[in-house]
């Protein structure tokens, strides 16, 4: 088919491939420059050891030719370096633009998703649901208050009377402090000063019961 309509279109070269190709050419030229530097060094050493004459002039002529080639290669290397720099700048701008476009596309996609999601939300329905929840909470509070109401308790209770009754309950009673079998004795007999002395009534009774001498 291409024989009938001409050559096939050459594939387009991207910047990365062009940069790699230019760097390869620059490296090859740098190798040539290094080889010419070595050759110039040899000619310089020869001219130092030679006297003026036709031989030295011939070596000097070859050195000038090598130096001319070196400068030509150095000029090409500088051009390639500038081309590489320009292509790298273009590649960086292209990458930044591609990243920017990707960011814009992502933001547009997110915007569409948000519109599709929040477009289904009914604000009035949510407000109505909130009002219903408040009404239910109020009804629950009223129901709890009704269930906690006390029955059979008079409302006109004197708090001072209740406090007095509570203080009376806190004071110990005599019947509770003294045992039952000692309650009569504790109220009639005087308490002795010492443990080894008998009470007065018991001592008089004991004297009457003793036989007369």
C-alpha atoms as a PDB file:
ATOM      1  CA  UNK A   1       0.000   0.000   0.000  1.00  0.00           C
ATOM      2  CA  UNK A   2       2.804   2.394   0.859  1.00  0.00           C
ATOM      3  CA  UNK A   3       4.394   1.647  -2.523  1.00  0.00           C
ATOM      4  CA  UNK A   4       1.296   3.070  -4.218  1.00  0.00           C
ATOM      5  CA  UNK A   5       0.721   6.142  -2.033  1.00  0.00           C
ATOM      6  CA  UNK A   6       4.278   6.938  -0.974  1.00  0.00           C
ATOM      7  CA  UNK A   7       6.317   6.334   2.138  1.00  0.00           C
ATOM      8  CA  UNK A   8       4.832   5.528   5.477  1.00  0.00           C
ATOM      9  CA  UNK A   9       4.765   8.462   7.910  1.00  0.00           C
ATOM     10  CA  UNK A  10       7.728   8.454  10.233  1.00  0.00           C
ATOM     11  CA  UNK A  11       6.851   7.868  13.871  1.00  0.00           C
ATOM     12  CA  UNK A  12       6.915  10.983  16.001  1.00  0.00           C
ATOM     13  CA  UNK A  13       9.780  11.291  18.439  1.00  0.00           C
ATOM     14  CA  UNK A  14       8.957  12.441  21.911  1.00  0.00           C
ATOM     15  CA  UNK A  15      11.132  14.753  23.961  1.00  0.00           C
ATOM     16  CA  UNK A  16      12.539  12.022  26.173  1.00  0.00           C
ATOM     17  CA  UNK A  17      13.817  10.065  23.168  1.00  0.00           C
ATOM     18  CA  UNK A  18      15.249  13.211  21.614  1.00  0.00           C
ATOM     19  CA  UNK A  19      17.039  14.118  24.835  1.00  0.00           C
ATOM     20  CA  UNK A  20      18.513  10.622  25.110  1.00  0.00           C
ATOM     21  CA  UNK A  21      19.707  10.754  21.477  1.00  0.00           C
ATOM     22  CA  UNK A  22      21.288  14.180  21.952  1.00  0.00           C
ATOM     23  CA  UNK A  23      23.047  13.044  25.120  1.00  0.00           C
ATOM     24  CA  UNK A  24      24.458  10.030  23.267  1.00  0.00           C
ATOM     25  CA  UNK A  25      25.822  12.295  20.526  1.00  0.00           C
ATOM     26  CA  UNK A  26      27.317  14.622  23.122  1.00  0.00           C
ATOM     27  CA  UNK A  27      29.038  11.695  24.834  1.00  0.00           C
ATOM     28  CA  UNK A  28      30.532  10.553  21.518  1.00  0.00           C
ATOM     29  CA  UNK A  29      31.859  14.030  20.816  1.00  0.00           C
ATOM     30  CA  UNK A  30      33.317  14.218  24.314  1.00  0.00           C
ATOM     31  CA  UNK A  31      35.242  10.996  23.610  1.00  0.00           C
ATOM     32  CA  UNK A  32      36.672  12.528  20.425  1.00  0.00           C
ATOM     33  CA  UNK A  33      37.701  15.671  22.300  1.00  0.00           C
ATOM     34  CA  UNK A  34      39.482  13.594  24.932  1.00  0.00           C
ATOM     35  CA  UNK A  35      41.348  11.687  22.207  1.00  0.00           C
ATOM     36  CA  UNK A  36      42.401  14.947  20.515  1.00  0.00           C
ATOM     37  CA  UNK A  37      43.593  16.308  23.889  1.00  0.00           C
ATOM     38  CA  UNK A  38      45.832  13.270  24.290  1.00  0.00           C
ATOM     39  CA  UNK A  39      47.192  13.740  20.760  1.00  0.00           C
ATOM     40  CA  UNK A  40      47.882  17.420  21.413  1.00  0.00           C
ATOM     41  CA  UNK A  41      49.764  16.472  24.563  1.00  0.00           C
ATOM     42  CA  UNK A  42      52.060  14.198  22.597  1.00  0.00           C
ATOM     43  CA  UNK A  43      52.760  16.884  19.982  1.00  0.00           C
ATOM     44  CA  UNK A  44      53.498  19.403  22.709  1.00  0.00           C
ATOM     45  CA  UNK A  45      56.014  17.086  24.320  1.00  0.00           C
ATOM     46  CA  UNK A  46      57.693  16.443  20.960  1.00  0.00           C
ATOM     47  CA  UNK A  47      58.008  20.149  20.197  1.00  0.00           C
ATOM     48  CA  UNK A  48      59.634  20.746  23.580  1.00  0.00           C
ATOM     49  CA  UNK A  49      62.368  18.237  22.782  1.00  0.00           C
ATOM     50  CA  UNK A  50      62.897  19.345  19.174  1.00  0.00           C
ATOM     51  CA  UNK A  51      64.957  22.211  17.827  1.00  0.00           C
ATOM     52  CA  UNK A  52      63.644  24.752  15.380  1.00  0.00           C
ATOM     53  CA  UNK A  53      63.586  23.394  11.889  1.00  0.00           C
ATOM     54  CA  UNK A  54      61.465  21.580   9.324  1.00  0.00           C
ATOM     55  CA  UNK A  55      60.719  18.647  11.656  1.00  0.00           C
ATOM     56  CA  UNK A  56      59.420  20.844  14.440  1.00  0.00           C
ATOM     57  CA  UNK A  57      57.423  22.861  11.913  1.00  0.00           C
ATOM     58  CA  UNK A  58      55.728  19.691  10.617  1.00  0.00           C
ATOM     59  CA  UNK A  59      54.813  18.581  14.147  1.00  0.00           C
ATOM     60  CA  UNK A  60      53.509  22.059  14.883  1.00  0.00           C
ATOM     61  CA  UNK A  61      51.376  21.940  11.734  1.00  0.00           C
ATOM     62  CA  UNK A  62      49.793  18.642  12.791  1.00  0.00           C
ATOM     63  CA  UNK A  63      49.183  20.043  16.292  1.00  0.00           C
ATOM     64  CA  UNK A  64      47.405  23.062  14.794  1.00  0.00           C
ATOM     65  CA  UNK A  65      45.194  20.746  12.711  1.00  0.00           C
ATOM     66  CA  UNK A  66      44.316  18.663  15.788  1.00  0.00           C
ATOM     67  CA  UNK A  67      43.589  21.826  17.789  1.00  0.00           C
ATOM     68  CA  UNK A  68      41.271  23.052  15.039  1.00  0.00           C
ATOM     69  CA  UNK A  69      39.359  19.767  15.118  1.00  0.00           C
ATOM     70  CA  UNK A  70      39.123  19.993  18.890  1.00  0.00           C
ATOM     71  CA  UNK A  71      37.606  23.465  18.767  1.00  0.00           C
ATOM     72  CA  UNK A  72      35.120  22.315  16.137  1.00  0.00           C
ATOM     73  CA  UNK A  73      34.024  19.421  18.339  1.00  0.00           C
ATOM     74  CA  UNK A  74      33.834  21.710  21.359  1.00  0.00           C
ATOM     75  CA  UNK A  75      31.503  23.995  19.413  1.00  0.00           C
ATOM     76  CA  UNK A  76      29.278  21.045  18.493  1.00  0.00           C
ATOM     77  CA  UNK A  77      29.288  19.867  22.105  1.00  0.00           C
ATOM     78  CA  UNK A  78      28.185  23.286  23.283  1.00  0.00           C
ATOM     79  CA  UNK A  79      25.348  23.327  20.743  1.00  0.00           C
ATOM     80  CA  UNK A  80      24.195  19.873  21.788  1.00  0.00           C
ATOM     81  CA  UNK A  81      24.308  20.877  25.433  1.00  0.00           C
ATOM     82  CA  UNK A  82      22.135  23.905  24.695  1.00  0.00           C
ATOM     83  CA  UNK A  83      19.700  21.767  22.715  1.00  0.00           C
ATOM     84  CA  UNK A  84      19.488  19.279  25.563  1.00  0.00           C
ATOM     85  CA  UNK A  85      18.836  22.090  28.024  1.00  0.00           C
ATOM     86  CA  UNK A  86      16.048  23.525  25.872  1.00  0.00           C
ATOM     87  CA  UNK A  87      14.407  20.138  25.412  1.00  0.00           C
ATOM     88  CA  UNK A  88      14.603  19.421  29.132  1.00  0.00           C
ATOM     89  CA  UNK A  89      12.930  22.761  29.840  1.00  0.00           C
ATOM     90  CA  UNK A  90      10.201  21.943  27.330  1.00  0.00           C
ATOM     91  CA  UNK A  91       9.781  18.489  28.847  1.00  0.00           C
ATOM     92  CA  UNK A  92       9.462  19.961  32.317  1.00  0.00           C
ATOM     93  CA  UNK A  93       6.834  22.444  31.134  1.00  0.00           C
ATOM     94  CA  UNK A  94       4.986  19.629  29.360  1.00  0.00           C
ATOM     95  CA  UNK A  95       5.029  17.455  32.471  1.00  0.00           C
ATOM     96  CA  UNK A  96       3.792  20.340  34.616  1.00  0.00           C
ATOM     97  CA  UNK A  97       1.005  21.022  32.156  1.00  0.00           C
ATOM     98  CA  UNK A  98       0.076  17.334  32.076  1.00  0.00           C
ATOM     99  CA  UNK A  99      -0.014  17.222  35.883  1.00  0.00           C
ATOM    100  CA  UNK A 100      -2.113  20.376  35.945  1.00  0.00           C
ATOM    101  CA  UNK A 101      -4.592  18.903  33.491  1.00  0.00           C
ATOM    102  CA  UNK A 102      -4.767  15.701  35.518  1.00  0.00           C
ATOM    103  CA  UNK A 103      -5.469  17.752  38.638  1.00  0.00           C
ATOM    104  CA  UNK A 104      -8.195  19.711  36.858  1.00  0.00           C
ATOM    105  CA  UNK A 105      -9.780  16.502  35.568  1.00  0.00           C
ATOM    106  CA  UNK A 106      -9.742  15.008  39.066  1.00  0.00           C
ATOM    107  CA  UNK A 107     -11.351  18.130  40.516  1.00  0.00           C
ATOM    108  CA  UNK A 108     -14.035  18.105  37.831  1.00  0.00           C
ATOM    109  CA  UNK A 109     -14.746  14.436  38.511  1.00  0.00           C
ATOM    110  CA  UNK A 110     -14.984  15.124  42.243  1.00  0.00           C
ATOM    111  CA  UNK A 111     -17.324  18.053  41.552  1.00  0.00           C
ATOM    112  CA  UNK A 112     -19.593  15.841  39.488  1.00  0.00           C
ATOM    113  CA  UNK A 113     -19.606  13.191  42.206  1.00  0.00           C
ATOM    114  CA  UNK A 114     -20.489  15.773  44.854  1.00  0.00           C
ATOM    115  CA  UNK A 115     -23.293  17.184  42.755  1.00  0.00           C
ATOM    116  CA  UNK A 116     -24.667  13.707  42.092  1.00  0.00           C
ATOM    117  CA  UNK A 117     -24.434  12.754  45.769  1.00  0.00           C
ATOM    118  CA  UNK A 118     -25.802  15.905  47.382  1.00  0.00           C
ATOM    119  CA  UNK A 119     -28.394  16.315  44.683  1.00  0.00           C
ATOM    120  CA  UNK A 120     -30.249  13.378  46.231  1.00  0.00           C
ATOM    121  CA  UNK A 121     -30.298  14.943  49.704  1.00  0.00           C
ATOM    122  CA  UNK A 122     -33.588  16.608  50.701  1.00  0.00           C
ATOM    123  CA  UNK A 123     -32.822  19.361  53.220  1.00  0.00           C
ATOM    124  CA  UNK A 124     -36.494  19.862  54.115  1.00  0.00           C
ATOM    125  CA  UNK A 125     -36.842  16.168  54.873  1.00  0.00           C
ATOM    126  CA  UNK A 126     -33.816  16.283  57.166  1.00  0.00           C
ATOM    127  CA  UNK A 127     -35.226  19.293  59.031  1.00  0.00           C
ATOM    128  CA  UNK A 128     -38.561  17.495  59.423  1.00  0.00           C
ATOM    129  CA  UNK A 129     -36.716  14.468  60.799  1.00  0.00           C
ATOM    130  CA  UNK A 130     -34.915  16.688  63.316  1.00  0.00           C
ATOM    131  CA  UNK A 131     -38.249  18.176  64.448  1.00  0.00           C
ATOM    132  CA  UNK A 132     -39.713  14.704  64.843  1.00  0.00           C
ATOM    133  CA  UNK A 133     -36.740  13.634  66.955  1.00  0.00           C
ATOM    134  CA  UNK A 134     -37.185  16.660  69.243  1.00  0.00           C
ATOM    135  CA  UNK A 135     -40.889  15.853  69.679  1.00  0.00           C
ATOM    136  CA  UNK A 136     -40.105  12.245  70.506  1.00  0.00           C
ATOM    137  CA  UNK A 137     -37.504  13.308  73.086  1.00  0.00           C
ATOM    138  CA  UNK A 138     -40.000  15.695  74.702  1.00  0.00           C
ATOM    139  CA  UNK A 139     -42.620  12.933  74.859  1.00  0.00           C
ATOM    140  CA  UNK A 140     -40.095  10.550  76.396  1.00  0.00           C
ATOM    141  CA  UNK A 141     -39.150  13.091  79.082  1.00  0.00           C
ATOM    142  CA  UNK A 142     -42.823  13.683  79.912  1.00  0.00           C
ATOM    143  CA  UNK A 143     -43.432   9.937  80.112  1.00  0.00           C
ATOM    144  CA  UNK A 144     -40.481   9.437  82.468  1.00  0.00           C
ATOM    145  CA  UNK A 145     -41.695  12.248  84.694  1.00  0.00           C
ATOM    146  CA  UNK A 146     -45.161  10.675  84.833  1.00  0.00           C
ATOM    147  CA  UNK A 147     -43.843   7.230  85.708  1.00  0.00           C
ATOM    148  CA  UNK A 148     -41.620   8.612  88.501  1.00  0.00           C
ATOM    149  CA  UNK A 149     -44.534  10.330  90.287  1.00  0.00           C
ATOM    150  CA  UNK A 150     -45.085   9.272  93.974  1.00  0.00           C
ATOM    151  CA  UNK A 151     -48.481   8.127  95.252  1.00  0.00           C
ATOM    152  CA  UNK A 152     -49.957   8.464  98.770  1.00  0.00           C
ATOM    153  CA  UNK A 153     -47.381  11.008  99.963  1.00  0.00           C
ATOM    154  CA  UNK A 154     -48.911  14.193 101.447  1.00  0.00           C
ATOM    155  CA  UNK A 155     -47.696  17.351  99.858  1.00  0.00           C
ATOM    156  CA  UNK A 156     -47.880  19.542 103.029  1.00  0.00           C
ATOM    157  CA  UNK A 157     -45.090  17.800 104.982  1.00  0.00           C
ATOM    158  CA  UNK A 158     -43.225  20.024 107.425  1.00  0.00           C
ATOM    159  CA  UNK A 159     -39.499  19.672 106.787  1.00  0.00           C
ATOM    160  CA  UNK A 160     -38.643  20.992 110.285  1.00  0.00           C
ATOM    161  CA  UNK A 161     -40.753  18.236 111.834  1.00  0.00           C
ATOM    162  CA  UNK A 162     -38.955  15.617 109.742  1.00  0.00           C
ATOM    163  CA  UNK A 163     -35.548  16.983 110.793  1.00  0.00           C
ATOM    164  CA  UNK A 164     -36.539  16.854 114.471  1.00  0.00           C
ATOM    165  CA  UNK A 165     -37.693  13.259 114.098  1.00  0.00           C
ATOM    166  CA  UNK A 166     -34.433  12.373 112.390  1.00  0.00           C
ATOM    167  CA  UNK A 167     -32.390  13.895 115.266  1.00  0.00           C
ATOM    168  CA  UNK A 168     -34.472  11.924 117.767  1.00  0.00           C
ATOM    169  CA  UNK A 169     -33.676   8.723 115.926  1.00  0.00           C
ATOM    170  CA  UNK A 170     -29.966   9.508 116.092  1.00  0.00           C
ATOM    171  CA  UNK A 171     -29.992   9.852 119.995  1.00  0.00           C
ATOM    172  CA  UNK A 172     -29.489   6.495 121.846  1.00  0.00           C
ATOM    173  CA  UNK A 173     -32.339   5.411 124.156  1.00  0.00           C
ATOM    174  CA  UNK A 174     -31.736   4.246 127.715  1.00  0.00           C
ATOM    175  CA  UNK A 175     -33.500   0.927 127.280  1.00  0.00           C
ATOM    176  CA  UNK A 176     -31.284   0.135 124.314  1.00  0.00           C
ATOM    177  CA  UNK A 177     -28.040   1.182 126.126  1.00  0.00           C
ATOM    178  CA  UNK A 178     -28.696  -0.858 129.381  1.00  0.00           C
ATOM    179  CA  UNK A 179     -29.423  -4.620 129.321  1.00  0.00           C
ATOM    180  CA  UNK A 180     -32.904  -5.708 130.358  1.00  0.00           C
ATOM    181  CA  UNK A 181     -31.757  -7.609 133.477  1.00  0.00           C
ATOM    182  CA  UNK A 182     -29.978  -4.506 134.847  1.00  0.00           C
ATOM    183  CA  UNK A 183     -32.561  -1.869 134.039  1.00  0.00           C
ATOM    184  CA  UNK A 184     -34.242  -1.966 137.526  1.00  0.00           C
ATOM    185  CA  UNK A 185     -30.944  -2.031 139.421  1.00  0.00           C
ATOM    186  CA  UNK A 186     -29.460   0.807 137.417  1.00  0.00           C
ATOM    187  CA  UNK A 187     -32.376   3.100 138.286  1.00  0.00           C
ATOM    188  CA  UNK A 188     -32.533   2.333 142.098  1.00  0.00           C
ATOM    189  CA  UNK A 189     -28.993   1.628 143.289  1.00  0.00           C
ATOM    190  CA  UNK A 190     -26.299   4.307 143.466  1.00  0.00           C
ATOM    191  CA  UNK A 191     -23.152   3.554 141.543  1.00  0.00           C
ATOM    192  CA  UNK A 192     -20.067   2.909 143.757  1.00  0.00           C
ATOM    193  CA  UNK A 193     -16.920   4.976 143.493  1.00  0.00           C
ATOM    194  CA  UNK A 194     -14.715   1.896 143.487  1.00  0.00           C
ATOM    195  CA  UNK A 195     -15.297  -1.557 142.180  1.00  0.00           C
ATOM    196  CA  UNK A 196     -14.296  -3.339 145.442  1.00  0.00           C
ATOM    197  CA  UNK A 197     -16.839  -1.428 147.612  1.00  0.00           C
ATOM    198  CA  UNK A 198     -20.422  -2.625 148.034  1.00  0.00           C
ATOM    199  CA  UNK A 199     -23.370  -0.277 147.638  1.00  0.00           C
ATOM    200  CA  UNK A 200     -24.873   1.159 150.835  1.00  0.00           C
ATOM    201  CA  UNK A 201     -28.150  -0.802 150.733  1.00  0.00           C
ATOM    202  CA  UNK A 202     -26.447  -4.102 150.098  1.00  0.00           C
ATOM    203  CA  UNK A 203     -24.009  -3.452 153.019  1.00  0.00           C
ATOM    204  CA  UNK A 204     -26.886  -2.732 155.468  1.00  0.00           C
ATOM    205  CA  UNK A 205     -28.720  -5.880 154.400  1.00  0.00           C
ATOM    206  CA  UNK A 206     -25.598  -7.931 154.904  1.00  0.00           C
ATOM    207  CA  UNK A 207     -25.197  -6.507 158.477  1.00  0.00           C
ATOM    208  CA  UNK A 208     -28.744  -7.530 159.408  1.00  0.00           C
ATOM    209  CA  UNK A 209     -28.253 -11.032 158.224  1.00  0.00           C
ATOM    210  CA  UNK A 210     -25.127 -11.574 160.400  1.00  0.00           C
ATOM    211  CA  UNK A 211     -25.935 -13.444 163.769  1.00  0.00           C
ATOM    212  CA  UNK A 212     -25.628 -11.397 166.958  1.00  0.00           C
ATOM    213  CA  UNK A 213     -22.508 -12.033 169.000  1.00  0.00           C
END
